[in-house]
Amino acid sequence: MKTLIRLSLCLCLWFVTGCVTPTGDSVVVRSEQTIAIAYDTLDTFLKLEHDNQALIKAKVPEVHKFAEKLRQSVTVGGKTQPFGVSVIQSALDVKNAYKRNRTPENKASLISALAALESVVRETQQHLTSIK
């Protein structure tokens, strides 16, 4: 319960503070916030699922199945890592590429990577709320 409250507060803070600093690029600021929230959300979900795996597997098997999807190894760019890590790493890599070279193409790639990451976070949050 405390975890859900912390996640809710993080999201509220993110919306209240906005996405622009006086000297910052709104896309970079938003990407850094999104990546941090994604990391915390996936980490919390996977720890909670792991600590209660037998019960969750029996009571809400779709939550366990999603956790296994996040843990499943994928190879992207020659690196093999869990799917959840790869989505976060992809957003980090694209963000860094955009920071080095702020072209419209890199910005579009960053927005696309953030959309993919936000989709995974939304699904994770839905599964978190179904654990009771």
N, C-alpha and C. Protein backbone atom coordinates (compact mmCIF):
# COMPACT_ATOMS: atom_id res chain seq x y z
N MET A 1 0.81 -1.18 0.00
CA MET A 1 0.00 0.00 0.00
C MET A 1 0.86 1.26 0.00
N LYS A 2 1.92 1.25 0.82
CA LYS A 2 2.83 2.40 0.85
C LYS A 2 3.45 2.62 -0.52
N THR A 3 3.75 1.52 -1.22
CA THR A 3 4.36 1.62 -2.53
C THR A 3 3.42 2.31 -3.51
N LEU A 4 2.16 1.94 -3.50
CA LEU A 4 1.19 2.58 -4.38
C LEU A 4 1.03 4.06 -4.06
N ILE A 5 1.07 4.39 -2.79
CA ILE A 5 0.97 5.80 -2.40
C ILE A 5 2.18 6.57 -2.90
N ARG A 6 3.38 5.97 -2.75
CA ARG A 6 4.59 6.64 -3.23
C ARG A 6 4.54 6.84 -4.74
N LEU A 7 4.10 5.82 -5.47
CA LEU A 7 4.01 5.93 -6.92
C LEU A 7 3.01 7.01 -7.32
N SER A 8 1.88 7.06 -6.63
CA SER A 8 0.87 8.08 -6.91
C SER A 8 1.42 9.47 -6.64
N LEU A 9 2.14 9.62 -5.53
CA LEU A 9 2.73 10.92 -5.20
C LEU A 9 3.77 11.33 -6.24
N CYS A 10 4.57 10.37 -6.71
CA CYS A 10 5.56 10.67 -7.75
C CYS A 10 4.88 11.16 -9.01
N LEU A 11 3.81 10.49 -9.40
CA LEU A 11 3.09 10.91 -10.61
C LEU A 11 2.46 12.28 -10.43
N CYS A 12 1.87 12.53 -9.25
CA CYS A 12 1.28 13.84 -8.98
C CYS A 12 2.35 14.93 -9.02
N LEU A 13 3.47 14.67 -8.40
CA LEU A 13 4.56 15.63 -8.40
C LEU A 13 5.02 15.93 -9.81
N TRP A 14 5.10 14.89 -10.61
CA TRP A 14 5.53 15.04 -12.00
C TRP A 14 4.57 15.95 -12.75
N PHE A 15 3.25 15.76 -12.56
CA PHE A 15 2.27 16.58 -13.26
C PHE A 15 2.26 18.01 -12.72
N VAL A 16 2.42 18.18 -11.43
CA VAL A 16 2.34 19.50 -10.82
C VAL A 16 3.55 20.35 -11.18
N THR A 17 4.74 19.75 -11.17
CA THR A 17 5.95 20.53 -11.41
C THR A 17 6.15 20.86 -12.87
N GLY A 18 5.47 20.17 -13.76
CA GLY A 18 5.63 20.44 -15.17
C GLY A 18 6.85 19.77 -15.72
N CYS A 19 7.09 20.02 -16.98
CA CYS A 19 8.16 19.32 -17.67
C CYS A 19 9.26 20.25 -18.17
N VAL A 20 9.26 21.52 -17.75
CA VAL A 20 10.24 22.45 -18.27
C VAL A 20 10.97 23.13 -17.12
N THR A 21 12.27 23.21 -17.24
CA THR A 21 13.05 24.02 -16.32
C THR A 21 13.43 25.30 -17.07
N PRO A 22 13.86 26.34 -16.38
CA PRO A 22 14.18 27.58 -17.07
C PRO A 22 15.22 27.41 -18.19
N THR A 23 16.15 26.50 -18.02
CA THR A 23 17.19 26.32 -19.04
C THR A 23 17.09 24.96 -19.72
N GLY A 24 16.09 24.17 -19.39
CA GLY A 24 16.02 22.80 -19.89
C GLY A 24 15.10 22.64 -21.09
N ASP A 25 15.35 21.57 -21.80
CA ASP A 25 14.53 21.16 -22.93
C ASP A 25 13.41 20.29 -22.37
N SER A 26 12.17 20.63 -22.66
CA SER A 26 11.03 19.93 -22.07
C SER A 26 11.04 18.44 -22.40
N VAL A 27 11.51 18.07 -23.58
CA VAL A 27 11.53 16.66 -23.96
C VAL A 27 12.56 15.90 -23.12
N VAL A 28 13.70 16.51 -22.87
CA VAL A 28 14.74 15.87 -22.06
C VAL A 28 14.26 15.74 -20.61
N VAL A 29 13.68 16.81 -20.08
CA VAL A 29 13.20 16.78 -18.69
C VAL A 29 12.11 15.72 -18.56
N ARG A 30 11.18 15.71 -19.49
CA ARG A 30 10.10 14.71 -19.44
C ARG A 30 10.67 13.31 -19.55
N SER A 31 11.65 13.11 -20.41
CA SER A 31 12.22 11.77 -20.57
C SER A 31 12.92 11.31 -19.30
N GLU A 32 13.64 12.21 -18.65
CA GLU A 32 14.33 11.85 -17.40
C GLU A 32 13.33 11.50 -16.31
N GLN A 33 12.24 12.25 -16.23
CA GLN A 33 11.20 11.95 -15.25
C GLN A 33 10.53 10.62 -15.55
N THR A 34 10.21 10.40 -16.81
CA THR A 34 9.54 9.17 -17.22
C THR A 34 10.42 7.95 -16.95
N ILE A 35 11.69 8.06 -17.27
CA ILE A 35 12.62 6.95 -17.05
C ILE A 35 12.75 6.64 -15.57
N ALA A 36 12.84 7.67 -14.73
CA ALA A 36 12.95 7.45 -13.28
C ALA A 36 11.70 6.79 -12.72
N ILE A 37 10.54 7.27 -13.14
CA ILE A 37 9.28 6.68 -12.68
C ILE A 37 9.17 5.24 -13.17
N ALA A 38 9.57 5.00 -14.41
CA ALA A 38 9.49 3.65 -14.97
C ALA A 38 10.37 2.69 -14.18
N TYR A 39 11.59 3.12 -13.88
CA TYR A 39 12.49 2.27 -13.12
C TYR A 39 11.88 1.91 -11.77
N ASP A 40 11.40 2.92 -11.06
CA ASP A 40 10.82 2.67 -9.73
C ASP A 40 9.59 1.77 -9.82
N THR A 41 8.76 2.00 -10.80
CA THR A 41 7.53 1.22 -10.95
C THR A 41 7.84 -0.24 -11.25
N LEU A 42 8.71 -0.49 -12.24
CA LEU A 42 9.04 -1.86 -12.61
C LEU A 42 9.77 -2.56 -11.47
N ASP A 43 10.67 -1.86 -10.81
CA ASP A 43 11.42 -2.45 -9.70
C ASP A 43 10.48 -2.84 -8.56
N THR A 44 9.58 -1.95 -8.20
CA THR A 44 8.61 -2.22 -7.13
C THR A 44 7.73 -3.41 -7.50
N PHE A 45 7.22 -3.40 -8.72
CA PHE A 45 6.34 -4.49 -9.16
C PHE A 45 7.06 -5.84 -9.13
N LEU A 46 8.26 -5.88 -9.69
CA LEU A 46 8.98 -7.15 -9.75
C LEU A 46 9.38 -7.66 -8.36
N LYS A 47 9.75 -6.76 -7.47
CA LYS A 47 10.08 -7.18 -6.10
C LYS A 47 8.84 -7.72 -5.40
N LEU A 48 7.73 -7.00 -5.54
CA LEU A 48 6.49 -7.43 -4.90
C LEU A 48 6.04 -8.79 -5.45
N GLU A 49 6.11 -8.95 -6.76
CA GLU A 49 5.70 -10.21 -7.37
C GLU A 49 6.63 -11.34 -6.94
N HIS A 50 7.92 -11.08 -6.90
CA HIS A 50 8.89 -12.11 -6.50
C HIS A 50 8.69 -12.53 -5.05
N ASP A 51 8.48 -11.56 -4.17
CA ASP A 51 8.31 -11.86 -2.74
C ASP A 51 7.02 -12.63 -2.45
N ASN A 52 6.05 -12.53 -3.34
CA ASN A 52 4.75 -13.18 -3.14
C ASN A 52 4.39 -14.08 -4.31
N GLN A 53 5.41 -14.64 -4.95
CA GLN A 53 5.22 -15.34 -6.21
C GLN A 53 4.23 -16.50 -6.13
N ALA A 54 4.32 -17.34 -5.13
CA ALA A 54 3.43 -18.50 -5.03
C ALA A 54 1.98 -18.07 -4.92
N LEU A 55 1.71 -17.09 -4.07
CA LEU A 55 0.35 -16.61 -3.88
C LEU A 55 -0.16 -15.92 -5.15
N ILE A 56 0.65 -15.08 -5.74
CA ILE A 56 0.24 -14.36 -6.95
C ILE A 56 0.01 -15.33 -8.10
N LYS A 57 0.89 -16.30 -8.23
CA LYS A 57 0.74 -17.29 -9.29
C LYS A 57 -0.59 -18.04 -9.15
N ALA A 58 -1.00 -18.31 -7.93
CA ALA A 58 -2.25 -19.04 -7.69
C ALA A 58 -3.48 -18.15 -7.82
N LYS A 59 -3.40 -16.92 -7.31
CA LYS A 59 -4.58 -16.05 -7.25
C LYS A 59 -4.75 -15.15 -8.48
N VAL A 60 -3.65 -14.62 -9.00
CA VAL A 60 -3.71 -13.73 -10.17
C VAL A 60 -2.61 -14.12 -11.16
N PRO A 61 -2.82 -15.24 -11.87
CA PRO A 61 -1.77 -15.75 -12.76
C PRO A 61 -1.37 -14.79 -13.87
N GLU A 62 -2.27 -13.90 -14.27
CA GLU A 62 -1.92 -12.94 -15.32
C GLU A 62 -0.85 -11.96 -14.84
N VAL A 63 -0.84 -11.67 -13.54
CA VAL A 63 0.19 -10.79 -12.97
C VAL A 63 1.55 -11.50 -13.02
N HIS A 64 1.56 -12.77 -12.64
CA HIS A 64 2.80 -13.54 -12.70
C HIS A 64 3.29 -13.65 -14.14
N LYS A 65 2.37 -13.88 -15.05
CA LYS A 65 2.74 -13.99 -16.47
C LYS A 65 3.37 -12.70 -16.98
N PHE A 66 2.81 -11.55 -16.58
CA PHE A 66 3.37 -10.27 -16.98
C PHE A 66 4.75 -10.06 -16.37
N ALA A 67 4.92 -10.45 -15.10
CA ALA A 67 6.23 -10.32 -14.45
C ALA A 67 7.27 -11.17 -15.20
N GLU A 68 6.86 -12.36 -15.61
CA GLU A 68 7.78 -13.22 -16.38
C GLU A 68 8.12 -12.59 -17.72
N LYS A 69 7.16 -11.89 -18.33
CA LYS A 69 7.42 -11.18 -19.59
C LYS A 69 8.49 -10.11 -19.37
N LEU A 70 8.37 -9.37 -18.26
CA LEU A 70 9.37 -8.33 -17.96
C LEU A 70 10.76 -8.93 -17.71
N ARG A 71 10.78 -10.15 -17.16
CA ARG A 71 12.06 -10.81 -16.86
C ARG A 71 12.65 -11.55 -18.06
N GLN A 72 11.83 -11.80 -19.08
CA GLN A 72 12.28 -12.59 -20.23
C GLN A 72 13.44 -11.89 -20.95
N SER A 73 14.45 -12.67 -21.28
CA SER A 73 15.63 -12.12 -21.96
C SER A 73 15.32 -11.78 -23.41
N VAL A 74 15.78 -10.61 -23.82
CA VAL A 74 15.69 -10.18 -25.21
C VAL A 74 17.05 -9.64 -25.61
N THR A 75 17.34 -9.71 -26.89
CA THR A 75 18.60 -9.18 -27.39
C THR A 75 18.30 -7.98 -28.26
N VAL A 76 18.87 -6.84 -27.88
CA VAL A 76 18.69 -5.60 -28.62
C VAL A 76 20.07 -4.98 -28.79
N GLY A 77 20.44 -4.73 -30.02
CA GLY A 77 21.73 -4.11 -30.28
C GLY A 77 22.90 -4.93 -29.78
N GLY A 78 22.78 -6.24 -29.83
CA GLY A 78 23.85 -7.12 -29.38
C GLY A 78 23.89 -7.35 -27.88
N LYS A 79 22.99 -6.69 -27.12
CA LYS A 79 22.95 -6.87 -25.67
C LYS A 79 21.75 -7.73 -25.31
N THR A 80 21.99 -8.73 -24.45
CA THR A 80 20.90 -9.55 -23.95
C THR A 80 20.62 -9.12 -22.52
N GLN A 81 19.36 -8.78 -22.28
CA GLN A 81 18.94 -8.34 -20.96
C GLN A 81 17.44 -8.56 -20.83
N PRO A 82 16.92 -8.49 -19.60
CA PRO A 82 15.48 -8.66 -19.42
C PRO A 82 14.70 -7.60 -20.21
N PHE A 83 13.50 -7.98 -20.66
CA PHE A 83 12.67 -7.07 -21.46
C PHE A 83 12.45 -5.73 -20.74
N GLY A 84 12.11 -5.76 -19.46
CA GLY A 84 11.87 -4.53 -18.72
C GLY A 84 13.09 -3.61 -18.71
N VAL A 85 14.25 -4.20 -18.55
CA VAL A 85 15.50 -3.42 -18.56
C VAL A 85 15.75 -2.86 -19.95
N SER A 86 15.47 -3.66 -20.98
CA SER A 86 15.75 -3.21 -22.35
C SER A 86 14.89 -2.02 -22.75
N VAL A 87 13.64 -1.98 -22.28
CA VAL A 87 12.77 -0.84 -22.60
C VAL A 87 13.30 0.43 -21.94
N ILE A 88 13.73 0.32 -20.70
CA ILE A 88 14.31 1.47 -20.00
C ILE A 88 15.63 1.87 -20.65
N GLN A 89 16.47 0.89 -20.95
CA GLN A 89 17.77 1.18 -21.56
C GLN A 89 17.62 1.83 -22.92
N SER A 90 16.64 1.38 -23.68
CA SER A 90 16.38 1.97 -24.99
C SER A 90 16.03 3.45 -24.85
N ALA A 91 15.15 3.76 -23.91
CA ALA A 91 14.78 5.16 -23.68
C ALA A 91 15.99 5.99 -23.24
N LEU A 92 16.83 5.41 -22.38
CA LEU A 92 18.05 6.11 -21.95
C LEU A 92 18.98 6.37 -23.13
N ASP A 93 19.18 5.36 -23.96
CA ASP A 93 20.08 5.50 -25.12
C ASP A 93 19.58 6.56 -26.09
N VAL A 94 18.28 6.53 -26.36
CA VAL A 94 17.71 7.50 -27.30
C VAL A 94 17.74 8.91 -26.71
N LYS A 95 17.50 9.01 -25.39
CA LYS A 95 17.58 10.32 -24.73
C LYS A 95 18.99 10.89 -24.85
N ASN A 96 19.99 10.05 -24.59
CA ASN A 96 21.39 10.51 -24.69
C ASN A 96 21.76 10.89 -26.11
N ALA A 97 21.25 10.14 -27.09
CA ALA A 97 21.51 10.49 -28.50
C ALA A 97 20.88 11.85 -28.82
N TYR A 98 19.69 12.09 -28.32
CA TYR A 98 19.02 13.37 -28.55
C TYR A 98 19.78 14.51 -27.86
N LYS A 99 20.28 14.26 -26.65
CA LYS A 99 21.02 15.31 -25.94
C LYS A 99 22.31 15.67 -26.69
N ARG A 100 22.93 14.66 -27.33
CA ARG A 100 24.16 14.92 -28.10
C ARG A 100 23.87 15.63 -29.41
N ASN A 101 22.71 15.34 -30.02
CA ASN A 101 22.40 15.88 -31.33
C ASN A 101 20.89 16.12 -31.41
N ARG A 102 20.47 17.32 -31.13
CA ARG A 102 19.04 17.65 -31.00
C ARG A 102 18.41 17.92 -32.37
N THR A 103 18.29 16.86 -33.15
CA THR A 103 17.65 16.95 -34.45
C THR A 103 16.17 16.58 -34.33
N PRO A 104 15.35 16.98 -35.28
CA PRO A 104 13.94 16.57 -35.26
C PRO A 104 13.78 15.04 -35.31
N GLU A 105 14.67 14.37 -36.02
CA GLU A 105 14.60 12.90 -36.10
C GLU A 105 14.89 12.26 -34.74
N ASN A 106 15.92 12.77 -34.05
CA ASN A 106 16.25 12.24 -32.72
C ASN A 106 15.14 12.55 -31.72
N LYS A 107 14.52 13.71 -31.86
CA LYS A 107 13.41 14.07 -30.97
C LYS A 107 12.23 13.12 -31.20
N ALA A 108 11.93 12.84 -32.46
CA ALA A 108 10.84 11.91 -32.78
C ALA A 108 11.15 10.51 -32.24
N SER A 109 12.40 10.08 -32.35
CA SER A 109 12.80 8.78 -31.81
C SER A 109 12.64 8.74 -30.30
N LEU A 110 13.00 9.83 -29.63
CA LEU A 110 12.87 9.91 -28.18
C LEU A 110 11.39 9.86 -27.76
N ILE A 111 10.57 10.59 -28.44
CA ILE A 111 9.14 10.59 -28.13
C ILE A 111 8.55 9.20 -28.34
N SER A 112 8.99 8.52 -29.37
CA SER A 112 8.53 7.15 -29.64
C SER A 112 9.00 6.19 -28.54
N ALA A 113 10.26 6.30 -28.14
CA ALA A 113 10.79 5.44 -27.08
C ALA A 113 10.07 5.70 -25.76
N LEU A 114 9.75 6.95 -25.48
CA LEU A 114 9.02 7.29 -24.25
C LEU A 114 7.60 6.73 -24.29
N ALA A 115 6.97 6.75 -25.46
CA ALA A 115 5.62 6.19 -25.58
C ALA A 115 5.64 4.69 -25.30
N ALA A 116 6.66 4.00 -25.81
CA ALA A 116 6.78 2.56 -25.54
C ALA A 116 7.00 2.30 -24.06
N LEU A 117 7.85 3.10 -23.44
CA LEU A 117 8.14 2.95 -22.01
C LEU A 117 6.89 3.25 -21.18
N GLU A 118 6.18 4.31 -21.52
CA GLU A 118 4.97 4.67 -20.79
C GLU A 118 3.90 3.58 -20.90
N SER A 119 3.86 2.92 -22.04
CA SER A 119 2.91 1.82 -22.23
C SER A 119 3.21 0.67 -21.27
N VAL A 120 4.50 0.33 -21.14
CA VAL A 120 4.91 -0.73 -20.21
C VAL A 120 4.61 -0.32 -18.77
N VAL A 121 4.85 0.94 -18.45
CA VAL A 121 4.58 1.43 -17.09
C VAL A 121 3.09 1.38 -16.79
N ARG A 122 2.24 1.80 -17.73
CA ARG A 122 0.79 1.73 -17.51
C ARG A 122 0.34 0.30 -17.25
N GLU A 123 0.85 -0.62 -18.06
CA GLU A 123 0.47 -2.03 -17.86
C GLU A 123 0.96 -2.53 -16.50
N THR A 124 2.17 -2.14 -16.13
CA THR A 124 2.71 -2.54 -14.82
C THR A 124 1.86 -1.99 -13.69
N GLN A 125 1.45 -0.73 -13.80
CA GLN A 125 0.62 -0.12 -12.76
C GLN A 125 -0.74 -0.82 -12.66
N GLN A 126 -1.29 -1.23 -13.79
CA GLN A 126 -2.55 -1.96 -13.77
C GLN A 126 -2.39 -3.28 -13.01
N HIS A 127 -1.28 -3.96 -13.27
CA HIS A 127 -1.04 -5.22 -12.57
C HIS A 127 -0.75 -4.99 -11.09
N LEU A 128 -0.07 -3.91 -10.77
CA LEU A 128 0.19 -3.58 -9.36
C LEU A 128 -1.12 -3.39 -8.60
N THR A 129 -2.06 -2.71 -9.21
CA THR A 129 -3.32 -2.45 -8.53
C THR A 129 -4.18 -3.71 -8.39
N SER A 130 -3.92 -4.71 -9.23
CA SER A 130 -4.71 -5.95 -9.12
C SER A 130 -4.17 -6.88 -8.04
N ILE A 131 -3.00 -6.57 -7.49
CA ILE A 131 -2.45 -7.37 -6.39
C ILE A 131 -3.05 -6.84 -5.09
N LYS A 132 -3.81 -7.68 -4.42
CA LYS A 132 -4.45 -7.22 -3.16
C LYS A 132 -4.15 -8.15 -2.04
